[in-house]
Amino acid sequence: MKLNRTMRKFVTILTLIFVLDGCSTIVVSGNAELAPKTAKCSKTTEKRVFYALWGLVPITDNTLDNDIPQGKKIRVETKYTFIDYLINLILSNITIVSKSAEIYTCE
């Protein structure tokens, strides 16, 4: 009986990790140069992308071409914000998830 409870907890935790993490991809391209992590940067833009099938199929535009300033040094961070976690918690049952990308312009 104890093994069943432990196994259920393990499967539940793994399922939550896979559902909340997903397989989403954000495409970064453009005419900008990537800055090192040590560069001093300021946040310019944030973009949220939605996916179906837990991150396999983008529903919204998943490229950052229009959001990246041309000819500047940039840093891009993709992450799950608190809002993304709330969206994923509510909509992951119908296989829709979100992920955010933050674009920083560097000196």
PDB file of N, CA and C in Angstrom:
ATOM      1  N   MET A   1       0.821  -1.194   0.000  1.00  0.00           N
ATOM      2  CA  MET A   1       0.000   0.000   0.000  1.00  0.00           C
ATOM      3  C   MET A   1       0.866   1.259   0.000  1.00  0.00           C
ATOM      4  N   LYS A   2       1.953   1.237   0.765  1.00  0.00           N
ATOM      5  CA  LYS A   2       2.834   2.388   0.845  1.00  0.00           C
ATOM      6  C   LYS A   2       3.505   2.654  -0.499  1.00  0.00           C
ATOM      7  N   LEU A   3       3.847   1.602  -1.215  1.00  0.00           N
ATOM      8  CA  LEU A   3       4.476   1.740  -2.521  1.00  0.00           C
ATOM      9  C   LEU A   3       3.516   2.383  -3.517  1.00  0.00           C
ATOM     10  N   ASN A   4       2.242   2.035  -3.452  1.00  0.00           N
ATOM     11  CA  ASN A   4       1.255   2.636  -4.341  1.00  0.00           C
ATOM     12  C   ASN A   4       1.148   4.146  -4.133  1.00  0.00           C
ATOM     13  N   ARG A   5       1.117   4.595  -2.907  1.00  0.00           N
ATOM     14  CA  ARG A   5       1.036   6.029  -2.626  1.00  0.00           C
ATOM     15  C   ARG A   5       2.281   6.753  -3.122  1.00  0.00           C
ATOM     16  N   THR A   6       3.433   6.167  -2.866  1.00  0.00           N
ATOM     17  CA  THR A   6       4.684   6.766  -3.324  1.00  0.00           C
ATOM     18  C   THR A   6       4.722   6.830  -4.843  1.00  0.00           C
ATOM     19  N   MET A   7       4.290   5.762  -5.477  1.00  0.00           N
ATOM     20  CA  MET A   7       4.282   5.721  -6.933  1.00  0.00           C
ATOM     21  C   MET A   7       3.301   6.744  -7.504  1.00  0.00           C
ATOM     22  N   ARG A   8       2.150   6.899  -6.895  1.00  0.00           N
ATOM     23  CA  ARG A   8       1.172   7.896  -7.346  1.00  0.00           C
ATOM     24  C   ARG A   8       1.729   9.310  -7.221  1.00  0.00           C
ATOM     25  N   LYS A   9       2.397   9.598  -6.111  1.00  0.00           N
ATOM     26  CA  LYS A   9       2.998  10.919  -5.931  1.00  0.00           C
ATOM     27  C   LYS A   9       4.058  11.169  -7.002  1.00  0.00           C
ATOM     28  N   PHE A  10       4.873  10.161  -7.262  1.00  0.00           N
ATOM     29  CA  PHE A  10       5.928  10.281  -8.268  1.00  0.00           C
ATOM     30  C   PHE A  10       5.342  10.546  -9.654  1.00  0.00           C
ATOM     31  N   VAL A  11       4.329   9.800 -10.035  1.00  0.00           N
ATOM     32  CA  VAL A  11       3.687   9.973 -11.342  1.00  0.00           C
ATOM     33  C   VAL A  11       3.007  11.337 -11.427  1.00  0.00           C
ATOM     34  N   THR A  12       2.374  11.776 -10.358  1.00  0.00           N
ATOM     35  CA  THR A  12       1.729  13.087 -10.336  1.00  0.00           C
ATOM     36  C   THR A  12       2.751  14.203 -10.513  1.00  0.00           C
ATOM     37  N   ILE A  13       3.862  14.119  -9.818  1.00  0.00           N
ATOM     38  CA  ILE A  13       4.911  15.142  -9.937  1.00  0.00           C
ATOM     39  C   ILE A  13       5.488  15.153 -11.344  1.00  0.00           C
ATOM     40  N   LEU A  14       5.772  13.996 -11.915  1.00  0.00           N
ATOM     41  CA  LEU A  14       6.286  13.931 -13.288  1.00  0.00           C
ATOM     42  C   LEU A  14       5.295  14.508 -14.289  1.00  0.00           C
ATOM     43  N   THR A  15       4.034  14.192 -14.122  1.00  0.00           N
ATOM     44  CA  THR A  15       3.001  14.718 -15.023  1.00  0.00           C
ATOM     45  C   THR A  15       2.937  16.231 -14.939  1.00  0.00           C
ATOM     46  N   LEU A  16       2.976  16.788 -13.740  1.00  0.00           N
ATOM     47  CA  LEU A  16       2.950  18.246 -13.578  1.00  0.00           C
ATOM     48  C   LEU A  16       4.169  18.900 -14.232  1.00  0.00           C
ATOM     49  N   ILE A  17       5.328  18.279 -14.075  1.00  0.00           N
ATOM     50  CA  ILE A  17       6.542  18.827 -14.693  1.00  0.00           C
ATOM     51  C   ILE A  17       6.397  18.854 -16.206  1.00  0.00           C
ATOM     52  N   PHE A  18       5.933  17.761 -16.806  1.00  0.00           N
ATOM     53  CA  PHE A  18       5.796  17.709 -18.261  1.00  0.00           C
ATOM     54  C   PHE A  18       4.710  18.642 -18.770  1.00  0.00           C
ATOM     55  N   VAL A  19       3.615  18.738 -18.053  1.00  0.00           N
ATOM     56  CA  VAL A  19       2.513  19.602 -18.492  1.00  0.00           C
ATOM     57  C   VAL A  19       2.917  21.064 -18.390  1.00  0.00           C
ATOM     58  N   LEU A  20       3.566  21.458 -17.314  1.00  0.00           N
ATOM     59  CA  LEU A  20       3.934  22.854 -17.141  1.00  0.00           C
ATOM     60  C   LEU A  20       5.159  23.244 -17.969  1.00  0.00           C
ATOM     61  N   ASP A  21       6.037  22.295 -18.272  1.00  0.00           N
ATOM     62  CA  ASP A  21       7.240  22.627 -19.030  1.00  0.00           C
ATOM     63  C   ASP A  21       6.990  22.597 -20.523  1.00  0.00           C
ATOM     64  N   GLY A  22       6.421  21.549 -21.050  1.00  0.00           N
ATOM     65  CA  GLY A  22       6.082  21.467 -22.472  1.00  0.00           C
ATOM     66  C   GLY A  22       7.288  21.374 -23.386  1.00  0.00           C
ATOM     67  N   CYS A  23       7.051  21.562 -24.672  1.00  0.00           N
ATOM     68  CA  CYS A  23       8.079  21.435 -25.699  1.00  0.00           C
ATOM     69  C   CYS A  23       8.145  22.679 -26.565  1.00  0.00           C
ATOM     70  N   SER A  24       7.795  23.815 -26.065  1.00  0.00           N
ATOM     71  CA  SER A  24       7.659  25.022 -26.872  1.00  0.00           C
ATOM     72  C   SER A  24       8.993  25.553 -27.380  1.00  0.00           C
ATOM     73  N   THR A  25       8.948  26.176 -28.559  1.00  0.00           N
ATOM     74  CA  THR A  25      10.116  26.767 -29.185  1.00  0.00           C
ATOM     75  C   THR A  25       9.804  28.200 -29.574  1.00  0.00           C
ATOM     76  N   ILE A  26      10.728  29.100 -29.287  1.00  0.00           N
ATOM     77  CA  ILE A  26      10.608  30.483 -29.726  1.00  0.00           C
ATOM     78  C   ILE A  26      11.771  30.756 -30.662  1.00  0.00           C
ATOM     79  N   VAL A  27      11.477  31.227 -31.859  1.00  0.00           N
ATOM     80  CA  VAL A  27      12.493  31.442 -32.891  1.00  0.00           C
ATOM     81  C   VAL A  27      13.070  32.849 -32.751  1.00  0.00           C
ATOM     82  N   VAL A  28      14.397  32.916 -32.599  1.00  0.00           N
ATOM     83  CA  VAL A  28      15.093  34.198 -32.495  1.00  0.00           C
ATOM     84  C   VAL A  28      15.936  34.371 -33.750  1.00  0.00           C
ATOM     85  N   SER A  29      15.594  35.355 -34.557  1.00  0.00           N
ATOM     86  CA  SER A  29      16.391  35.669 -35.741  1.00  0.00           C
ATOM     87  C   SER A  29      16.318  37.169 -35.971  1.00  0.00           C
ATOM     88  N   GLY A  30      17.086  37.635 -36.889  1.00  0.00           N
ATOM     89  CA  GLY A  30      17.082  39.070 -37.153  1.00  0.00           C
ATOM     90  C   GLY A  30      18.482  39.563 -37.419  1.00  0.00           C
ATOM     91  N   ASN A  31      18.636  40.864 -37.470  1.00  0.00           N
ATOM     92  CA  ASN A  31      19.902  41.476 -37.816  1.00  0.00           C
ATOM     93  C   ASN A  31      20.565  42.072 -36.583  1.00  0.00           C
ATOM     94  N   ALA A  32      20.518  41.371 -35.474  1.00  0.00           N
ATOM     95  CA  ALA A  32      21.091  41.885 -34.233  1.00  0.00           C
ATOM     96  C   ALA A  32      22.190  40.940 -33.756  1.00  0.00           C
ATOM     97  N   GLU A  33      23.032  41.466 -32.907  1.00  0.00           N
ATOM     98  CA  GLU A  33      24.135  40.690 -32.354  1.00  0.00           C
ATOM     99  C   GLU A  33      23.781  40.292 -30.921  1.00  0.00           C
ATOM    100  N   LEU A  34      24.042  39.038 -30.571  1.00  0.00           N
ATOM    101  CA  LEU A  34      23.754  38.586 -29.216  1.00  0.00           C
ATOM    102  C   LEU A  34      24.810  39.092 -28.249  1.00  0.00           C
ATOM    103  N   ALA A  35      24.391  39.627 -27.139  1.00  0.00           N
ATOM    104  CA  ALA A  35      25.298  40.170 -26.127  1.00  0.00           C
ATOM    105  C   ALA A  35      25.620  39.097 -25.089  1.00  0.00           C
ATOM    106  N   PRO A  36      26.801  39.181 -24.478  1.00  0.00           N
ATOM    107  CA  PRO A  36      27.135  38.221 -23.413  1.00  0.00           C
ATOM    108  C   PRO A  36      26.279  38.466 -22.169  1.00  0.00           C
ATOM    109  N   LYS A  37      26.234  37.477 -21.303  1.00  0.00           N
ATOM    110  CA  LYS A  37      25.430  37.590 -20.081  1.00  0.00           C
ATOM    111  C   LYS A  37      25.931  38.702 -19.165  1.00  0.00           C
ATOM    112  N   THR A  38      27.191  39.045 -19.294  1.00  0.00           N
ATOM    113  CA  THR A  38      27.765  40.069 -18.412  1.00  0.00           C
ATOM    114  C   THR A  38      27.449  41.490 -18.872  1.00  0.00           C
ATOM    115  N   ALA A  39      26.902  41.654 -20.064  1.00  0.00           N
ATOM    116  CA  ALA A  39      26.602  42.992 -20.589  1.00  0.00           C
ATOM    117  C   ALA A  39      25.460  43.629 -19.801  1.00  0.00           C
ATOM    118  N   LYS A  40      25.523  44.958 -19.685  1.00  0.00           N
ATOM    119  CA  LYS A  40      24.477  45.707 -19.001  1.00  0.00           C
ATOM    120  C   LYS A  40      23.335  45.936 -19.990  1.00  0.00           C
ATOM    121  N   CYS A  41      22.163  45.421 -19.679  1.00  0.00           N
ATOM    122  CA  CYS A  41      21.035  45.468 -20.608  1.00  0.00           C
ATOM    123  C   CYS A  41      19.786  46.011 -19.925  1.00  0.00           C
ATOM    124  N   SER A  42      18.882  46.530 -20.733  1.00  0.00           N
ATOM    125  CA  SER A  42      17.591  46.969 -20.214  1.00  0.00           C
ATOM    126  C   SER A  42      16.479  46.305 -21.026  1.00  0.00           C
ATOM    127  N   LYS A  43      15.419  45.950 -20.331  1.00  0.00           N
ATOM    128  CA  LYS A  43      14.305  45.240 -20.964  1.00  0.00           C
ATOM    129  C   LYS A  43      13.583  46.157 -21.944  1.00  0.00           C
ATOM    130  N   THR A  44      13.410  45.658 -23.172  1.00  0.00           N
ATOM    131  CA  THR A  44      12.760  46.436 -24.217  1.00  0.00           C
ATOM    132  C   THR A  44      11.351  45.932 -24.492  1.00  0.00           C
ATOM    133  N   THR A  45      11.217  44.623 -24.657  1.00  0.00           N
ATOM    134  CA  THR A  45       9.946  44.042 -25.073  1.00  0.00           C
ATOM    135  C   THR A  45       9.716  42.713 -24.373  1.00  0.00           C
ATOM    136  N   GLU A  46       8.444  42.384 -24.190  1.00  0.00           N
ATOM    137  CA  GLU A  46       8.069  41.047 -23.701  1.00  0.00           C
ATOM    138  C   GLU A  46       6.990  40.508 -24.624  1.00  0.00           C
ATOM    139  N   LYS A  47       7.111  39.235 -24.967  1.00  0.00           N
ATOM    140  CA  LYS A  47       6.138  38.615 -25.867  1.00  0.00           C
ATOM    141  C   LYS A  47       5.707  37.276 -25.288  1.00  0.00           C
ATOM    142  N   ARG A  48       4.415  37.021 -25.314  1.00  0.00           N
ATOM    143  CA  ARG A  48       3.868  35.738 -24.850  1.00  0.00           C
ATOM    144  C   ARG A  48       3.390  34.964 -26.070  1.00  0.00           C
ATOM    145  N   VAL A  49       3.779  33.695 -26.134  1.00  0.00           N
ATOM    146  CA  VAL A  49       3.412  32.838 -27.255  1.00  0.00           C
ATOM    147  C   VAL A  49       2.552  31.690 -26.719  1.00  0.00           C
ATOM    148  N   PHE A  50       1.488  31.365 -27.449  1.00  0.00           N
ATOM    149  CA  PHE A  50       0.591  30.274 -27.058  1.00  0.00           C
ATOM    150  C   PHE A  50       0.789  29.076 -27.983  1.00  0.00           C
ATOM    151  N   TYR A  51       0.694  27.890 -27.403  1.00  0.00           N
ATOM    152  CA  TYR A  51       0.899  26.635 -28.132  1.00  0.00           C
ATOM    153  C   TYR A  51      -0.234  25.661 -27.836  1.00  0.00           C
ATOM    154  N   ALA A  52      -0.498  24.791 -28.801  1.00  0.00           N
ATOM    155  CA  ALA A  52      -1.439  23.679 -28.603  1.00  0.00           C
ATOM    156  C   ALA A  52      -0.626  22.397 -28.453  1.00  0.00           C
ATOM    157  N   LEU A  53      -1.256  21.364 -27.985  1.00  0.00           N
ATOM    158  CA  LEU A  53      -0.628  20.057 -27.772  1.00  0.00           C
ATOM    159  C   LEU A  53       0.611  20.176 -26.895  1.00  0.00           C
ATOM    160  N   TRP A  54       0.481  20.895 -25.797  1.00  0.00           N
ATOM    161  CA  TRP A  54       1.515  21.074 -24.780  1.00  0.00           C
ATOM    162  C   TRP A  54       2.830  21.596 -25.350  1.00  0.00           C
ATOM    163  N   GLY A  55       2.757  22.500 -26.300  1.00  0.00           N
ATOM    164  CA  GLY A  55       3.956  23.145 -26.813  1.00  0.00           C
ATOM    165  C   GLY A  55       4.429  22.667 -28.162  1.00  0.00           C
ATOM    166  N   LEU A  56       3.742  21.717 -28.766  1.00  0.00           N
ATOM    167  CA  LEU A  56       4.198  21.191 -30.058  1.00  0.00           C
ATOM    168  C   LEU A  56       3.793  22.060 -31.242  1.00  0.00           C
ATOM    169  N   VAL A  57       2.614  22.684 -31.176  1.00  0.00           N
ATOM    170  CA  VAL A  57       2.093  23.456 -32.307  1.00  0.00           C
ATOM    171  C   VAL A  57       1.857  24.899 -31.867  1.00  0.00           C
ATOM    172  N   PRO A  58       2.612  25.865 -32.443  1.00  0.00           N
ATOM    173  CA  PRO A  58       2.378  27.260 -32.064  1.00  0.00           C
ATOM    174  C   PRO A  58       1.037  27.759 -32.591  1.00  0.00           C
ATOM    175  N   ILE A  59       0.261  28.401 -31.731  1.00  0.00           N
ATOM    176  CA  ILE A  59      -1.023  28.991 -32.123  1.00  0.00           C
ATOM    177  C   ILE A  59      -0.799  30.436 -32.557  1.00  0.00           C
ATOM    178  N   THR A  60       0.060  31.148 -31.837  1.00  0.00           N
ATOM    179  CA  THR A  60       0.401  32.528 -32.191  1.00  0.00           C
ATOM    180  C   THR A  60       1.793  32.537 -32.831  1.00  0.00           C
ATOM    181  N   ASP A  61       2.179  33.667 -33.370  1.00  0.00           N
ATOM    182  CA  ASP A  61       3.486  33.806 -34.008  1.00  0.00           C
ATOM    183  C   ASP A  61       4.587  33.568 -32.979  1.00  0.00           C
ATOM    184  N   ASN A  62       5.460  32.581 -33.221  1.00  0.00           N
ATOM    185  CA  ASN A  62       6.503  32.267 -32.253  1.00  0.00           C
ATOM    186  C   ASN A  62       7.876  32.798 -32.670  1.00  0.00           C
ATOM    187  N   THR A  63       7.909  33.746 -33.602  1.00  0.00           N
ATOM    188  CA  THR A  63       9.169  34.371 -33.980  1.00  0.00           C
ATOM    189  C   THR A  63       9.281  35.751 -33.342  1.00  0.00           C
ATOM    190  N   LEU A  64      10.504  36.191 -33.148  1.00  0.00           N
ATOM    191  CA  LEU A  64      10.742  37.493 -32.545  1.00  0.00           C
ATOM    192  C   LEU A  64      11.281  38.498 -33.560  1.00  0.00           C
ATOM    193  N   ASP A  65      11.134  38.206 -34.849  1.00  0.00           N
ATOM    194  CA  ASP A  65      11.684  39.060 -35.908  1.00  0.00           C
ATOM    195  C   ASP A  65      11.251  40.513 -35.781  1.00  0.00           C
ATOM    196  N   ASN A  66       9.981  40.760 -35.560  1.00  0.00           N
ATOM    197  CA  ASN A  66       9.459  42.132 -35.499  1.00  0.00           C
ATOM    198  C   ASN A  66       9.766  42.820 -34.173  1.00  0.00           C
ATOM    199  N   ASP A  67      10.153  42.054 -33.161  1.00  0.00           N
ATOM    200  CA  ASP A  67      10.376  42.610 -31.834  1.00  0.00           C
ATOM    201  C   ASP A  67      11.840  42.933 -31.547  1.00  0.00           C
ATOM    202  N   ILE A  68      12.750  42.434 -32.378  1.00  0.00           N
ATOM    203  CA  ILE A  68      14.176  42.635 -32.145  1.00  0.00           C
ATOM    204  C   ILE A  68      14.639  43.908 -32.842  1.00  0.00           C
ATOM    205  N   PRO A  69      15.270  44.833 -32.106  1.00  0.00           N
ATOM    206  CA  PRO A  69      15.795  46.046 -32.733  1.00  0.00           C
ATOM    207  C   PRO A  69      16.968  45.696 -33.655  1.00  0.00           C
ATOM    208  N   GLN A  70      16.948  46.217 -34.856  1.00  0.00           N
ATOM    209  CA  GLN A  70      17.957  45.897 -35.859  1.00  0.00           C
ATOM    210  C   GLN A  70      19.296  46.555 -35.545  1.00  0.00           C
ATOM    211  N   GLY A  71      20.374  45.799 -35.731  1.00  0.00           N
ATOM    212  CA  GLY A  71      21.715  46.336 -35.606  1.00  0.00           C
ATOM    213  C   GLY A  71      22.169  46.652 -34.198  1.00  0.00           C
ATOM    214  N   LYS A  72      21.502  46.141 -33.185  1.00  0.00           N
ATOM    215  CA  LYS A  72      21.887  46.403 -31.796  1.00  0.00           C
ATOM    216  C   LYS A  72      22.265  45.098 -31.119  1.00  0.00           C
ATOM    217  N   LYS A  73      22.976  45.227 -30.008  1.00  0.00           N
ATOM    218  CA  LYS A  73      23.290  44.049 -29.207  1.00  0.00           C
ATOM    219  C   LYS A  73      22.080  43.744 -28.337  1.00  0.00           C
ATOM    220  N   ILE A  74      21.675  42.484 -28.323  1.00  0.00           N
ATOM    221  CA  ILE A  74      20.484  42.099 -27.563  1.00  0.00           C
ATOM    222  C   ILE A  74      20.756  40.854 -26.725  1.00  0.00           C
ATOM    223  N   ARG A  75      19.884  40.623 -25.789  1.00  0.00           N
ATOM    224  CA  ARG A  75      19.843  39.371 -25.029  1.00  0.00           C
ATOM    225  C   ARG A  75      18.390  38.944 -24.980  1.00  0.00           C
ATOM    226  N   VAL A  76      18.127  37.674 -25.212  1.00  0.00           N
ATOM    227  CA  VAL A  76      16.762  37.146 -25.192  1.00  0.00           C
ATOM    228  C   VAL A  76      16.673  36.079 -24.104  1.00  0.00           C
ATOM    229  N   GLU A  77      15.672  36.191 -23.265  1.00  0.00           N
ATOM    230  CA  GLU A  77      15.420  35.195 -22.232  1.00  0.00           C
ATOM    231  C   GLU A  77      14.029  34.614 -22.444  1.00  0.00           C
ATOM    232  N   THR A  78      13.955  33.302 -22.494  1.00  0.00           N
ATOM    233  CA  THR A  78      12.652  32.646 -22.557  1.00  0.00           C
ATOM    234  C   THR A  78      12.400  32.017 -21.201  1.00  0.00           C
ATOM    235  N   LYS A  79      11.187  32.206 -20.710  1.00  0.00           N
ATOM    236  CA  LYS A  79      10.878  31.694 -19.383  1.00  0.00           C
ATOM    237  C   LYS A  79       9.372  31.600 -19.190  1.00  0.00           C
ATOM    238  N   TYR A  80       9.027  30.952 -18.102  1.00  0.00           N
ATOM    239  CA  TYR A  80       7.636  30.889 -17.681  1.00  0.00           C
ATOM    240  C   TYR A  80       7.446  31.906 -16.561  1.00  0.00           C
ATOM    241  N   THR A  81       6.634  32.902 -16.797  1.00  0.00           N
ATOM    242  CA  THR A  81       6.328  33.890 -15.767  1.00  0.00           C
ATOM    243  C   THR A  81       5.195  33.349 -14.883  1.00  0.00           C
ATOM    244  N   PHE A  82       4.876  34.076 -13.838  1.00  0.00           N
ATOM    245  CA  PHE A  82       3.782  33.684 -12.959  1.00  0.00           C
ATOM    246  C   PHE A  82       2.470  33.585 -13.742  1.00  0.00           C
ATOM    247  N   ILE A  83       2.251  34.544 -14.658  1.00  0.00           N
ATOM    248  CA  ILE A  83       1.046  34.534 -15.494  1.00  0.00           C
ATOM    249  C   ILE A  83       1.031  33.294 -16.386  1.00  0.00           C
ATOM    250  N   ASP A  84       2.192  32.926 -16.940  1.00  0.00           N
ATOM    251  CA  ASP A  84       2.270  31.710 -17.765  1.00  0.00           C
ATOM    252  C   ASP A  84       1.883  30.476 -16.959  1.00  0.00           C
ATOM    253  N   TYR A  85       2.376  30.398 -15.725  1.00  0.00           N
ATOM    254  CA  TYR A  85       2.021  29.253 -14.885  1.00  0.00           C
ATOM    255  C   TYR A  85       0.516  29.197 -14.619  1.00  0.00           C
ATOM    256  N   LEU A  86      -0.094  30.347 -14.389  1.00  0.00           N
ATOM    257  CA  LEU A  86      -1.544  30.371 -14.183  1.00  0.00           C
ATOM    258  C   LEU A  86      -2.289  29.937 -15.447  1.00  0.00           C
ATOM    259  N   ILE A  87      -1.870  30.473 -16.593  1.00  0.00           N
ATOM    260  CA  ILE A  87      -2.496  30.087 -17.863  1.00  0.00           C
ATOM    261  C   ILE A  87      -2.329  28.595 -18.100  1.00  0.00           C
ATOM    262  N   ASN A  88      -1.114  28.087 -17.891  1.00  0.00           N
ATOM    263  CA  ASN A  88      -0.850  26.663 -18.120  1.00  0.00           C
ATOM    264  C   ASN A  88      -1.632  25.777 -17.160  1.00  0.00           C
ATOM    265  N   LEU A  89      -1.775  26.225 -15.936  1.00  0.00           N
ATOM    266  CA  LEU A  89      -2.534  25.444 -14.956  1.00  0.00           C
ATOM    267  C   LEU A  89      -3.995  25.319 -15.368  1.00  0.00           C
ATOM    268  N   ILE A  90      -4.552  26.400 -15.891  1.00  0.00           N
ATOM    269  CA  ILE A  90      -5.964  26.401 -16.278  1.00  0.00           C
ATOM    270  C   ILE A  90      -6.188  25.736 -17.642  1.00  0.00           C
ATOM    271  N   LEU A  91      -5.355  26.069 -18.624  1.00  0.00           N
ATOM    272  CA  LEU A  91      -5.605  25.610 -19.996  1.00  0.00           C
ATOM    273  C   LEU A  91      -4.885  24.338 -20.403  1.00  0.00           C
ATOM    274  N   SER A  92      -3.993  23.813 -19.574  1.00  0.00           N
ATOM    275  CA  SER A  92      -3.253  22.615 -19.981  1.00  0.00           C
ATOM    276  C   SER A  92      -4.161  21.398 -20.119  1.00  0.00           C
ATOM    277  N   ASN A  93      -5.316  21.419 -19.477  1.00  0.00           N
ATOM    278  CA  ASN A  93      -6.270  20.308 -19.636  1.00  0.00           C
ATOM    279  C   ASN A  93      -6.788  20.210 -21.060  1.00  0.00           C
ATOM    280  N   ILE A  94      -6.821  21.340 -21.761  1.00  0.00           N
ATOM    281  CA  ILE A  94      -7.237  21.306 -23.170  1.00  0.00           C
ATOM    282  C   ILE A  94      -6.019  21.509 -24.078  1.00  0.00           C
ATOM    283  N   THR A  95      -4.851  21.170 -23.571  1.00  0.00           N
ATOM    284  CA  THR A  95      -3.557  21.124 -24.265  1.00  0.00           C
ATOM    285  C   THR A  95      -3.030  22.472 -24.736  1.00  0.00           C
ATOM    286  N   ILE A  96      -3.476  23.578 -24.173  1.00  0.00           N
ATOM    287  CA  ILE A  96      -2.962  24.893 -24.564  1.00  0.00           C
ATOM    288  C   ILE A  96      -2.043  25.407 -23.459  1.00  0.00           C
ATOM    289  N   VAL A  97      -0.825  25.835 -23.840  1.00  0.00           N
ATOM    290  CA  VAL A  97       0.138  26.372 -22.882  1.00  0.00           C
ATOM    291  C   VAL A  97       0.733  27.672 -23.426  1.00  0.00           C
ATOM    292  N   SER A  98       1.378  28.433 -22.549  1.00  0.00           N
ATOM    293  CA  SER A  98       2.020  29.678 -22.974  1.00  0.00           C
ATOM    294  C   SER A  98       3.442  29.748 -22.412  1.00  0.00           C
ATOM    295  N   LYS A  99       4.269  30.558 -23.092  1.00  0.00           N
ATOM    296  CA  LYS A  99       5.643  30.801 -22.668  1.00  0.00           C
ATOM    297  C   LYS A  99       5.985  32.235 -23.038  1.00  0.00           C
ATOM    298  N   SER A 100       6.810  32.897 -22.239  1.00  0.00           N
ATOM    299  CA  SER A 100       7.167  34.296 -22.481  1.00  0.00           C
ATOM    300  C   SER A 100       8.614  34.426 -22.923  1.00  0.00           C
ATOM    301  N   ALA A 101       8.858  35.433 -23.745  1.00  0.00           N
ATOM    302  CA  ALA A 101      10.208  35.798 -24.158  1.00  0.00           C
ATOM    303  C   ALA A 101      10.406  37.265 -23.821  1.00  0.00           C
ATOM    304  N   GLU A 102      11.534  37.574 -23.196  1.00  0.00           N
ATOM    305  CA  GLU A 102      11.877  38.950 -22.870  1.00  0.00           C
ATOM    306  C   GLU A 102      13.097  39.344 -23.683  1.00  0.00           C
ATOM    307  N   ILE A 103      13.026  40.507 -24.343  1.00  0.00           N
ATOM    308  CA  ILE A 103      14.121  40.991 -25.165  1.00  0.00           C
ATOM    309  C   ILE A 103      14.757  42.176 -24.458  1.00  0.00           C
ATOM    310  N   TYR A 104      16.058  42.121 -24.301  1.00  0.00           N
ATOM    311  CA  TYR A 104      16.827  43.178 -23.658  1.00  0.00           C
ATOM    312  C   TYR A 104      17.769  43.805 -24.680  1.00  0.00           C
ATOM    313  N   THR A 105      17.864  45.134 -24.692  1.00  0.00           N
ATOM    314  CA  THR A 105      18.824  45.854 -25.506  1.00  0.00           C
ATOM    315  C   THR A 105      20.015  46.186 -24.633  1.00  0.00           C
ATOM    316  N   CYS A 106      21.216  45.891 -25.137  1.00  0.00           N
ATOM    317  CA  CYS A 106      22.430  46.053 -24.332  1.00  0.00           C
ATOM    318  C   CYS A 106      23.308  47.182 -24.858  1.00  0.00           C
ATOM    319  N   GLU A 107      24.165  47.673 -23.974  1.00  0.00           N
ATOM    320  CA  GLU A 107      25.088  48.758 -24.329  1.00  0.00           C
ATOM    321  C   GLU A 107      26.255  48.228 -25.130  1.00  0.00           C
TER     322      GLU A 107
END
